[in-house]
Structures are given as C-alpha cells and as structure tokens.
C-alpha cells in the first residue's frame, strides 16, 4: 500500500476515533443519568409496592440496559479502530525504513 493511501486511511481512522470518543463520553453521561433515575424508581417501587411503580422501574431499567449495550458497542468499535490505527502506523513505519 502506498504511503499516501496509508496516510489517508490513518486520517480517516483518526477522525472516526475522535467522533467515537465523543460518543463514548456522551454515552457515559447518559448512562449515569439513566442509572440514577432507574435506581430512584427502584426505591419508589419498593416503597410503594404498586404495579405502576414497578412498571416505571422496569421501563427505566430497560433504558439503562439499552444504553449499557450501546456503550459497550461504541467501546468495542473504538478498540477495533485503535488496533487498526496501530497496524497502519506499523506499516507506515515499516515502509519508511
């Protein structure tokens, strides 16, 4: 692969990494908020012992679970791109020698 192609791919990966890191930060903030809300609703459900309160907690917990999965997917994609970036950097260095 030519040096210009490697550099272009590295640039694309760098841009995507930046975007994923931002997305991960947002997901972390949203997850913290959702988890706190779900915990509050869990306590309310325990105290009130009503079906409505339990359903509200269950719905909130579903949002927490979905955000947890989303965050894990973003983190996995981030790790994959970091590995790809390392591989491209290794190839760029090898071609420079």
Protein backbone atom coordinates (compact mmCIF):
# COMPACT_ATOMS: atom_id res chain seq x y z
CA UNK A 1 0.00 0.00 0.00
CA UNK A 2 1.40 3.40 -0.89
CA UNK A 3 2.33 5.95 1.74
CA UNK A 4 -0.41 8.36 0.63
CA UNK A 5 -3.07 5.66 0.95
CA UNK A 6 -1.81 4.75 4.42
CA UNK A 7 -1.82 8.39 5.47
CA UNK A 8 -5.35 8.89 4.12
CA UNK A 9 -6.60 5.81 5.98
CA UNK A 10 -4.88 6.99 9.15
CA UNK A 11 -6.57 10.36 8.80
CA UNK A 12 -9.97 8.72 8.35
CA UNK A 13 -9.42 6.48 11.37
CA UNK A 14 -8.28 9.45 13.46
CA UNK A 15 -11.46 11.36 12.58
CA UNK A 16 -13.62 8.34 13.41
CA UNK A 17 -11.75 7.78 16.69
CA UNK A 18 -12.37 11.37 17.70
CA UNK A 19 -16.08 11.02 16.96
CA UNK A 20 -16.31 7.71 18.84
CA UNK A 21 -14.55 9.15 21.88
CA UNK A 22 -17.07 11.98 21.93
CA UNK A 23 -19.92 9.49 21.55
CA UNK A 24 -18.50 7.40 24.39
CA UNK A 25 -18.35 10.45 26.67
CA UNK A 26 -21.98 11.26 25.89
CA UNK A 27 -23.00 7.62 26.44
CA UNK A 28 -21.23 7.62 29.82
CA UNK A 29 -23.10 10.76 30.90
CA UNK A 30 -26.43 9.40 29.69
CA UNK A 31 -25.81 6.05 31.32
CA UNK A 32 -25.02 7.69 34.66
CA UNK A 33 -28.24 9.73 34.47
CA UNK A 34 -30.37 6.76 33.42
CA UNK A 35 -28.86 4.53 36.11
CA UNK A 36 -29.56 7.13 38.80
CA UNK A 37 -33.13 7.52 37.57
CA UNK A 38 -33.67 3.75 37.48
CA UNK A 39 -32.28 3.44 40.99
CA UNK A 40 -34.65 6.14 42.24
CA UNK A 41 -37.57 4.40 40.58
CA UNK A 42 -36.49 1.08 42.07
CA UNK A 43 -36.62 2.58 45.53
CA UNK A 44 -40.03 4.10 44.83
CA UNK A 45 -41.28 0.74 43.60
CA UNK A 46 -40.04 -0.95 46.77
CA UNK A 47 -41.70 1.64 48.99
CA UNK A 48 -44.99 1.98 47.14
CA UNK A 49 -45.36 -1.66 46.08
CA UNK A 50 -47.68 -0.70 43.22
CA UNK A 51 -47.74 -2.25 39.74
CA UNK A 52 -47.34 1.18 38.15
CA UNK A 53 -44.22 1.97 40.15
CA UNK A 54 -42.75 -1.43 39.30
CA UNK A 55 -43.52 -0.91 35.60
CA UNK A 56 -41.86 2.53 35.68
CA UNK A 57 -38.78 0.96 37.24
CA UNK A 58 -38.77 -1.87 34.69
CA UNK A 59 -39.01 0.63 31.83
CA UNK A 60 -36.21 2.74 33.27
CA UNK A 61 -34.06 -0.36 33.71
CA UNK A 62 -34.66 -1.29 30.06
CA UNK A 63 -33.26 2.10 29.08
CA UNK A 64 -30.22 1.51 31.29
CA UNK A 65 -29.69 -1.91 29.72
CA UNK A 66 -30.00 -0.49 26.19
CA UNK A 67 -27.56 2.32 26.94
CA UNK A 68 -25.15 -0.17 28.50
CA UNK A 69 -25.23 -2.24 25.31
CA UNK A 70 -24.77 0.87 23.17
CA UNK A 71 -21.82 2.00 25.28
CA UNK A 72 -20.22 -1.44 25.02
CA UNK A 73 -20.65 -1.42 21.23
CA UNK A 74 -19.05 2.03 20.96
CA UNK A 75 -16.17 0.95 23.23
CA UNK A 76 -15.63 -2.20 21.15
CA UNK A 77 -15.60 -0.22 17.89
CA UNK A 78 -13.17 2.22 19.48
CA UNK A 79 -10.85 -0.61 20.46
CA UNK A 80 -11.04 -2.11 16.96
CA UNK A 81 -10.19 1.21 15.35
CA UNK A 82 -7.29 1.76 17.74
CA UNK A 83 -5.90 -1.64 16.71
CA UNK A 84 -6.37 -0.75 13.04
CA UNK A 85 -4.62 2.55 13.62
CA UNK A 86 -1.70 0.77 15.30
CA UNK A 87 -1.45 -1.65 12.37
CA UNK A 88 -1.42 1.20 9.86
CA UNK A 89 1.21 3.08 11.86
CA UNK A 90 3.36 -0.06 11.96
CA UNK A 91 3.03 -0.41 8.18
CA UNK A 92 3.86 3.27 7.68
CA UNK A 93 6.97 2.93 9.81
CA UNK A 94 7.99 -0.26 8.03
CA UNK A 95 7.68 1.46 4.65
CA UNK A 96 9.75 4.39 5.89
CA UNK A 97 12.75 2.17 6.59
